């Protein structure tokens, strides 16, 4: 579909690809592409077993083959290949909440129960952290390759991929290092910058 009117368009997330195109996720319109130099949005509708998925696209990340991975609320993880073909990815539960590809190419998947690594080629998920039903809504990586992920209503966690060590930061826990204390456990997004600062 092509559209240029954005009056009723709400956006969940925005990503810029290597060609400087903008990709957006929308609860109403699914996945949208804004090619640089054009004033037209291209959008994709997702289907499964011949039925249109009406729940919104909440998160997206690039995959390892030039496509995209998209979280559809209450419907799991979908892939879009480089030709624009969409498919539901097996092995991910319908309660998938977030997806992120790190610098090593590892795919991280968040659910309402845990954090996982996921291999789309084999549909295999491996639990990285049991979140005891709290879930994670955002996953990212810092310049040292450490994985940050929110814990719903309970701050955030930091996973060191090299050592496997996990640290949980919230108002209920006292981190060992000074300067890491904060006053609110509701962390929505985390953005590490190129200078080593982490913004929340």
Protein backbone atom coordinates (compact mmCIF):
# COMPACT_ATOMS: atom_id res chain seq x y z
CA UNK A 1 0.00 0.00 0.00
CA UNK A 2 1.11 3.56 -0.58
CA UNK A 3 0.10 6.49 1.58
CA UNK A 4 1.19 10.08 2.04
CA UNK A 5 -1.36 11.28 4.62
CA UNK A 6 -0.02 10.82 8.16
CA UNK A 7 -2.77 12.69 10.06
CA UNK A 8 -3.99 9.55 11.86
CA UNK A 9 -0.64 7.79 12.04
CA UNK A 10 0.73 6.84 15.46
CA UNK A 11 4.27 5.41 15.64
CA UNK A 12 5.70 2.84 18.08
CA UNK A 13 9.30 2.77 16.85
CA UNK A 14 11.56 4.19 14.13
CA UNK A 15 14.70 2.66 12.64
CA UNK A 16 17.11 3.99 10.00
CA UNK A 17 18.74 1.39 7.73
CA UNK A 18 22.16 1.44 6.05
CA UNK A 19 20.65 3.22 3.01
CA UNK A 20 19.22 5.98 5.22
CA UNK A 21 15.63 4.84 4.67
CA UNK A 22 13.27 5.21 7.62
CA UNK A 23 11.27 2.22 8.87
CA UNK A 24 8.33 2.81 11.23
CA UNK A 25 5.98 0.54 13.16
CA UNK A 26 2.36 1.56 13.67
CA UNK A 27 -0.51 -0.02 15.64
CA UNK A 28 -2.95 0.76 12.83
CA UNK A 29 -0.86 0.50 9.67
CA UNK A 30 1.71 -2.18 10.52
CA UNK A 31 5.18 -1.64 9.06
CA UNK A 32 5.93 1.43 6.97
CA UNK A 33 8.93 2.34 4.81
CA UNK A 34 9.80 5.95 4.04
CA UNK A 35 12.41 5.86 1.25
CA UNK A 36 14.72 8.84 1.35
CA UNK A 37 13.97 11.32 -1.40
CA UNK A 38 10.33 10.23 -1.78
CA UNK A 39 7.24 11.56 -0.01
CA UNK A 40 5.38 8.25 -0.03
CA UNK A 41 5.07 5.62 2.67
CA UNK A 42 5.07 1.96 1.63
CA UNK A 43 3.32 -0.33 4.11
CA UNK A 44 3.03 -4.07 4.69
CA UNK A 45 0.03 -5.95 6.02
CA UNK A 46 0.78 -9.19 7.84
CA UNK A 47 -1.20 -12.38 7.31
CA UNK A 48 -1.10 -15.82 8.93
CA UNK A 49 -2.96 -18.86 7.60
CA UNK A 50 -4.67 -16.57 5.11
CA UNK A 51 -5.99 -14.21 7.79
CA UNK A 52 -4.97 -10.58 8.19
CA UNK A 53 -3.28 -9.74 11.49
CA UNK A 54 -4.89 -6.58 12.85
CA UNK A 55 -2.82 -6.11 15.98
CA UNK A 56 -0.11 -3.50 15.63
CA UNK A 57 3.58 -3.87 14.96
CA UNK A 58 5.33 -2.88 18.18
CA UNK A 59 9.04 -3.51 17.49
CA UNK A 60 11.39 -4.28 14.63
CA UNK A 61 15.04 -5.05 13.99
CA UNK A 62 17.15 -6.09 11.04
CA UNK A 63 17.84 -9.79 10.55
CA UNK A 64 21.05 -11.44 9.31
CA UNK A 65 19.94 -11.80 5.68
CA UNK A 66 18.91 -8.27 4.71
CA UNK A 67 15.33 -8.52 5.96
CA UNK A 68 13.42 -7.39 9.03
CA UNK A 69 12.00 -9.04 12.12
CA UNK A 70 8.79 -7.51 13.48
CA UNK A 71 6.85 -8.12 16.70
CA UNK A 72 3.08 -8.16 16.19
CA UNK A 73 1.22 -7.59 19.44
CA UNK A 74 -0.37 -10.86 20.62
CA UNK A 75 0.71 -12.65 17.42
CA UNK A 76 4.42 -13.33 17.84
CA UNK A 77 7.36 -12.63 15.54
CA UNK A 78 7.13 -12.13 11.77
CA UNK A 79 9.89 -11.85 9.20
CA UNK A 80 10.06 -9.80 6.01
CA UNK A 81 12.66 -10.93 3.50
CA UNK A 82 14.54 -8.69 1.06
CA UNK A 83 11.80 -9.19 -1.58
CA UNK A 84 9.06 -7.98 0.79
CA UNK A 85 7.53 -11.40 1.49
CA UNK A 86 6.22 -11.81 5.05
CA UNK A 87 5.95 -14.95 7.18
CA UNK A 88 5.29 -15.89 10.78
CA UNK A 89 8.44 -17.21 12.44
CA UNK A 90 8.05 -20.49 14.26
CA UNK A 91 9.37 -21.05 17.76
CA UNK A 92 8.50 -17.61 19.16
CA UNK A 93 5.47 -17.40 21.44
CA UNK A 94 2.53 -15.11 20.71
CA UNK A 95 3.40 -13.12 23.85
CA UNK A 96 6.64 -11.86 22.27
CA UNK A 97 7.09 -8.23 23.30
CA UNK A 98 10.46 -7.08 21.91
CA UNK A 99 13.17 -8.07 19.43
CA UNK A 100 16.76 -6.86 18.92
CA UNK A 101 19.75 -7.91 16.81
CA UNK A 102 23.08 -7.19 18.49
CA UNK A 103 26.42 -6.38 16.86
CA UNK A 104 27.40 -10.07 16.74
CA UNK A 105 24.21 -10.97 14.85
CA UNK A 106 22.53 -12.64 17.83
CA UNK A 107 18.75 -12.14 17.88
CA UNK A 108 17.32 -11.34 21.33
CA UNK A 109 13.60 -11.83 22.00
CA UNK A 110 11.66 -10.53 24.98
CA UNK A 111 8.38 -11.97 26.23
CA UNK A 112 6.13 -11.35 29.24
CA UNK A 113 8.08 -14.08 31.04
CA UNK A 114 11.74 -14.03 30.01
CA UNK A 115 14.57 -12.90 27.76
CA UNK A 116 15.72 -15.35 25.06
CA UNK A 117 18.17 -15.71 22.22
CA UNK A 118 16.52 -16.89 19.01
CA UNK A 119 17.77 -18.53 15.82
CA UNK A 120 15.27 -17.92 12.96
CA UNK A 121 16.93 -20.62 10.81
CA UNK A 122 16.26 -23.38 13.35
CA UNK A 123 13.30 -21.78 15.25
CA UNK A 124 15.27 -22.45 18.45
CA UNK A 125 14.87 -20.23 21.49
CA UNK A 126 17.23 -20.40 24.47
CA UNK A 127 16.31 -18.69 27.72
CA UNK A 128 18.89 -16.08 28.76
CA UNK A 129 17.04 -14.78 31.83
CA UNK A 130 13.84 -15.83 33.63
CA UNK A 131 12.01 -12.60 34.52
CA UNK A 132 9.42 -14.31 36.73
CA UNK A 133 6.42 -13.05 34.79
CA UNK A 134 7.47 -9.39 34.65
CA UNK A 135 8.61 -9.38 31.03
CA UNK A 136 10.75 -7.02 28.97
CA UNK A 137 9.53 -4.38 26.53
CA UNK A 138 12.85 -3.05 25.25
CA UNK A 139 16.26 -4.57 24.44
CA UNK A 140 19.44 -2.81 23.31
CA UNK A 141 23.25 -3.02 23.40
CA UNK A 142 25.98 -0.66 24.56
CA UNK A 143 29.34 0.08 22.90
CA UNK A 144 30.98 -2.73 24.92
CA UNK A 145 28.51 -5.34 23.64
CA UNK A 146 26.55 -5.62 26.88
CA UNK A 147 22.80 -6.23 26.59
CA UNK A 148 20.37 -3.91 28.40
CA UNK A 149 16.72 -4.88 28.81
CA UNK A 150 13.83 -3.40 30.72
CA UNK A 151 12.02 -5.33 33.43
CA UNK A 152 8.35 -4.35 33.49
CA UNK A 153 7.79 -2.17 36.56
CA UNK A 154 11.11 -3.21 38.11
CA UNK A 155 13.90 -1.19 36.48
CA UNK A 156 16.25 -2.83 34.02
CA UNK A 157 18.90 -5.53 33.74
CA UNK A 158 22.37 -5.59 32.24
CA UNK A 159 23.77 -8.82 30.77
CA UNK A 160 27.50 -9.13 30.07
CA UNK A 161 27.71 -11.53 27.13
CA UNK A 162 31.38 -12.29 27.77
CA UNK A 163 31.00 -13.36 31.40
CA UNK A 164 27.29 -14.21 31.57
CA UNK A 165 26.95 -11.93 34.61
CA UNK A 166 23.57 -10.21 35.07
CA UNK A 167 22.96 -7.07 37.13
CA UNK A 168 19.49 -5.85 38.09
CA UNK A 169 19.01 -2.12 38.70
CA UNK A 170 15.89 -0.79 40.41
CA UNK A 171 14.89 1.28 43.41
CA UNK A 172 14.60 -1.97 45.38
CA UNK A 173 18.21 -2.99 44.73
CA UNK A 174 21.43 -1.23 45.68
CA UNK A 175 24.02 -1.50 42.88
CA UNK A 176 27.64 -1.79 43.93
CA UNK A 177 28.83 1.08 41.74
CA UNK A 178 28.03 4.67 42.66
CA UNK A 179 26.00 6.78 40.29
CA UNK A 180 23.69 3.97 39.17
CA UNK A 181 20.82 4.70 41.56
CA UNK A 182 17.63 6.11 40.03
CA UNK A 183 14.22 7.00 41.41
CA UNK A 184 11.71 5.29 39.13
CA UNK A 185 11.31 1.61 38.26
CA UNK A 186 9.33 2.27 35.05
CA UNK A 187 11.98 2.28 32.32
CA UNK A 188 10.46 2.54 28.84
CA UNK A 189 13.49 2.79 26.55
CA UNK A 190 17.28 2.70 26.86
CA UNK A 191 19.69 4.37 24.42
CA UNK A 192 23.46 3.95 24.84
CA UNK A 193 25.31 6.65 22.89
CA UNK A 194 28.69 6.57 21.13
CA UNK A 195 30.44 8.23 24.10
CA UNK A 196 29.47 5.49 26.55
CA UNK A 197 26.54 7.28 28.20
CA UNK A 198 23.27 5.41 28.67
CA UNK A 199 20.02 7.38 28.34
CA UNK A 200 16.72 6.15 29.80
